[in-house]
Amino acid sequence: ARIWSFHDEVFQKMTMRAIITCVWDGLLMPAYLVNLLFNVVEVAALLSWGLTPSTGGFLPWELWSEHDQELSTVPQHAPFCWSVLLAAVIRDFVNLLWWFCMYCYKWLHRPSF
């Protein structure tokens, strides 16, 4: 991490470095790894669903011929992919909503000069 030169005195102390290491190892690293795992699962769901071949073209399933329906390889894990992607959309929506609420709170409670 980058620090300003006038903060060198604070961050050179062993206690501050120990606090930062403890917070990173105890709190932030597990949260970072869980977030990374969720992102990998989301990308895997997108790839497995997006790379599944089909012979029916862009027409809806009901308009495919019976021959195309027999040859198609509609993914059997599509409900799982929907669940993963819906969870990702809900997570992103909640994060954006939280950010917007905190932005509005900060704007409404700013000091008046």
C-alpha atoms as a PDB file:
ATOM      1  CA  ALA A   1       0.000   0.000   0.000  1.00  0.00           C
ATOM      2  CA  ARG A   2       1.116   3.544  -0.625  1.00  0.00           C
ATOM      3  CA  ILE A   3       1.466   5.962   2.259  1.00  0.00           C
ATOM      4  CA  TRP A   4       2.483   9.588   2.301  1.00  0.00           C
ATOM      5  CA  SER A   5       5.946  10.424   3.545  1.00  0.00           C
ATOM      6  CA  PHE A   6       4.613  12.402   6.513  1.00  0.00           C
ATOM      7  CA  HIS A   7       2.842   9.210   7.723  1.00  0.00           C
ATOM      8  CA  ASP A   8       6.099   7.209   7.779  1.00  0.00           C
ATOM      9  CA  GLU A   9       6.520   7.867  11.477  1.00  0.00           C
ATOM     10  CA  VAL A  10       3.174   6.233  12.302  1.00  0.00           C
ATOM     11  CA  PHE A  11       3.511   3.200  10.049  1.00  0.00           C
ATOM     12  CA  GLN A  12       7.111   2.448  11.030  1.00  0.00           C
ATOM     13  CA  LYS A  13       6.001   1.568  14.545  1.00  0.00           C
ATOM     14  CA  MET A  14       5.744  -2.145  15.198  1.00  0.00           C
ATOM     15  CA  THR A  15       2.349  -1.873  16.922  1.00  0.00           C
ATOM     16  CA  MET A  16       0.713  -0.278  13.871  1.00  0.00           C
ATOM     17  CA  ARG A  17       2.188  -2.895  11.546  1.00  0.00           C
ATOM     18  CA  ALA A  18       0.978  -5.640  13.886  1.00  0.00           C
ATOM     19  CA  ILE A  19      -2.550  -4.187  13.954  1.00  0.00           C
ATOM     20  CA  ILE A  20      -2.671  -3.998  10.157  1.00  0.00           C
ATOM     21  CA  THR A  21      -1.377  -7.562   9.792  1.00  0.00           C
ATOM     22  CA  CYS A  22      -3.829  -8.882  12.367  1.00  0.00           C
ATOM     23  CA  VAL A  23      -6.815  -7.145  10.765  1.00  0.00           C
ATOM     24  CA  TRP A  24      -5.810  -8.355   7.295  1.00  0.00           C
ATOM     25  CA  ASP A  25      -5.170 -11.965   8.347  1.00  0.00           C
ATOM     26  CA  GLY A  26      -8.124 -12.238  10.727  1.00  0.00           C
ATOM     27  CA  LEU A  27     -10.887 -10.284   9.004  1.00  0.00           C
ATOM     28  CA  LEU A  28     -10.140  -9.127   5.504  1.00  0.00           C
ATOM     29  CA  MET A  29      -8.386 -12.143   3.991  1.00  0.00           C
ATOM     30  CA  PRO A  30     -11.272 -14.612   4.664  1.00  0.00           C
ATOM     31  CA  ALA A  31     -13.808 -12.111   3.296  1.00  0.00           C
ATOM     32  CA  TYR A  32     -11.632 -11.550   0.246  1.00  0.00           C
ATOM     33  CA  LEU A  33     -11.319 -15.303  -0.384  1.00  0.00           C
ATOM     34  CA  VAL A  34     -15.094 -15.842  -0.052  1.00  0.00           C
ATOM     35  CA  ASN A  35     -15.732 -12.981  -2.487  1.00  0.00           C
ATOM     36  CA  LEU A  36     -13.182 -14.486  -4.876  1.00  0.00           C
ATOM     37  CA  LEU A  37     -14.875 -17.896  -4.600  1.00  0.00           C
ATOM     38  CA  PHE A  38     -18.299 -16.378  -5.371  1.00  0.00           C
ATOM     39  CA  ASN A  39     -16.879 -14.587  -8.421  1.00  0.00           C
ATOM     40  CA  VAL A  40     -15.266 -17.812  -9.700  1.00  0.00           C
ATOM     41  CA  VAL A  41     -18.572 -19.706  -9.299  1.00  0.00           C
ATOM     42  CA  GLU A  42     -20.406 -16.908 -11.120  1.00  0.00           C
ATOM     43  CA  VAL A  43     -17.949 -16.956 -14.020  1.00  0.00           C
ATOM     44  CA  ALA A  44     -18.107 -20.769 -14.170  1.00  0.00           C
ATOM     45  CA  ALA A  45     -21.913 -20.639 -14.365  1.00  0.00           C
ATOM     46  CA  LEU A  46     -21.768 -18.027 -17.118  1.00  0.00           C
ATOM     47  CA  LEU A  47     -19.204 -20.009 -19.091  1.00  0.00           C
ATOM     48  CA  SER A  48     -20.908 -23.375 -18.726  1.00  0.00           C
ATOM     49  CA  TRP A  49     -24.256 -21.939 -19.735  1.00  0.00           C
ATOM     50  CA  GLY A  50     -22.943 -19.677 -22.464  1.00  0.00           C
ATOM     51  CA  LEU A  51     -20.731 -22.289 -24.105  1.00  0.00           C
ATOM     52  CA  THR A  52     -23.414 -24.991 -24.250  1.00  0.00           C
ATOM     53  CA  PRO A  53     -24.040 -25.644 -27.947  1.00  0.00           C
ATOM     54  CA  SER A  54     -27.487 -25.896 -29.433  1.00  0.00           C
ATOM     55  CA  THR A  55     -28.701 -26.497 -32.943  1.00  0.00           C
ATOM     56  CA  GLY A  56     -31.901 -24.502 -32.758  1.00  0.00           C
ATOM     57  CA  GLY A  57     -30.537 -21.083 -33.510  1.00  0.00           C
ATOM     58  CA  PHE A  58     -32.086 -18.029 -31.890  1.00  0.00           C
ATOM     59  CA  LEU A  59     -35.696 -19.180 -32.056  1.00  0.00           C
ATOM     60  CA  PRO A  60     -37.608 -19.929 -28.849  1.00  0.00           C
ATOM     61  CA  TRP A  61     -37.767 -23.600 -27.784  1.00  0.00           C
ATOM     62  CA  GLU A  62     -41.427 -23.913 -28.817  1.00  0.00           C
ATOM     63  CA  LEU A  63     -40.640 -22.923 -32.430  1.00  0.00           C
ATOM     64  CA  TRP A  64     -37.833 -25.468 -32.865  1.00  0.00           C
ATOM     65  CA  SER A  65     -38.568 -28.470 -35.017  1.00  0.00           C
ATOM     66  CA  GLU A  66     -38.781 -31.846 -33.298  1.00  0.00           C
ATOM     67  CA  HIS A  67     -35.563 -32.867 -35.001  1.00  0.00           C
ATOM     68  CA  ASP A  68     -33.745 -29.816 -33.581  1.00  0.00           C
ATOM     69  CA  GLN A  69     -35.181 -30.475 -30.118  1.00  0.00           C
ATOM     70  CA  GLU A  70     -33.847 -34.043 -30.228  1.00  0.00           C
ATOM     71  CA  LEU A  71     -30.389 -32.864 -31.320  1.00  0.00           C
ATOM     72  CA  SER A  72     -30.121 -29.939 -28.940  1.00  0.00           C
ATOM     73  CA  THR A  73     -28.111 -30.088 -25.791  1.00  0.00           C
ATOM     74  CA  VAL A  74     -30.032 -27.788 -23.515  1.00  0.00           C
ATOM     75  CA  PRO A  75     -28.031 -27.719 -20.301  1.00  0.00           C
ATOM     76  CA  GLN A  76     -29.487 -29.852 -17.537  1.00  0.00           C
ATOM     77  CA  HIS A  77     -27.874 -27.538 -15.000  1.00  0.00           C
ATOM     78  CA  ALA A  78     -29.712 -24.434 -16.265  1.00  0.00           C
ATOM     79  CA  PRO A  79     -31.725 -23.995 -13.011  1.00  0.00           C
ATOM     80  CA  PHE A  80     -28.473 -23.983 -11.040  1.00  0.00           C
ATOM     81  CA  CYS A  81     -27.024 -21.385 -13.414  1.00  0.00           C
ATOM     82  CA  TRP A  82     -30.161 -19.256 -13.006  1.00  0.00           C
ATOM     83  CA  SER A  83     -29.808 -19.487  -9.224  1.00  0.00           C
ATOM     84  CA  VAL A  84     -26.157 -18.446  -9.268  1.00  0.00           C
ATOM     85  CA  LEU A  85     -26.757 -15.577 -11.658  1.00  0.00           C
ATOM     86  CA  LEU A  86     -29.838 -14.356  -9.784  1.00  0.00           C
ATOM     87  CA  ALA A  87     -27.861 -14.400  -6.537  1.00  0.00           C
ATOM     88  CA  ALA A  88     -25.128 -12.332  -8.209  1.00  0.00           C
ATOM     89  CA  VAL A  89     -27.673  -9.819  -9.514  1.00  0.00           C
ATOM     90  CA  ILE A  90     -29.302  -9.533  -6.083  1.00  0.00           C
ATOM     91  CA  ARG A  91     -25.873  -9.059  -4.468  1.00  0.00           C
ATOM     92  CA  ASP A  92     -24.969  -6.306  -6.914  1.00  0.00           C
ATOM     93  CA  PHE A  93     -28.371  -4.643  -6.478  1.00  0.00           C
ATOM     94  CA  VAL A  94     -28.022  -4.641  -2.679  1.00  0.00           C
ATOM     95  CA  ASN A  95     -24.501  -3.225  -2.931  1.00  0.00           C
ATOM     96  CA  LEU A  96     -25.651  -0.433  -5.248  1.00  0.00           C
ATOM     97  CA  LEU A  97     -28.675   0.312  -3.054  1.00  0.00           C
ATOM     98  CA  TRP A  98     -26.463   0.445   0.043  1.00  0.00           C
ATOM     99  CA  TRP A  99     -24.023   2.752  -1.717  1.00  0.00           C
ATOM    100  CA  PHE A 100     -26.841   5.051  -2.881  1.00  0.00           C
ATOM    101  CA  CYS A 101     -28.414   5.202   0.600  1.00  0.00           C
ATOM    102  CA  MET A 102     -25.092   6.063   2.220  1.00  0.00           C
ATOM    103  CA  TYR A 103     -24.390   8.667  -0.463  1.00  0.00           C
ATOM    104  CA  CYS A 104     -27.778  10.294   0.158  1.00  0.00           C
ATOM    105  CA  TYR A 105     -27.250  10.121   3.933  1.00  0.00           C
ATOM    106  CA  LYS A 106     -23.866  11.789   3.574  1.00  0.00           C
ATOM    107  CA  TRP A 107     -25.307  14.453   1.273  1.00  0.00           C
ATOM    108  CA  LEU A 108     -28.300  15.199   3.544  1.00  0.00           C
ATOM    109  CA  HIS A 109     -26.215  15.370   6.724  1.00  0.00           C
ATOM    110  CA  ARG A 110     -23.371  17.476   5.383  1.00  0.00           C
ATOM    111  CA  PRO A 111     -22.336  20.412   7.500  1.00  0.00           C
ATOM    112  CA  SER A 112     -23.796  23.745   6.465  1.00  0.00           C
ATOM    113  CA  PHE A 113     -21.353  26.633   6.215  1.00  0.00           C
END
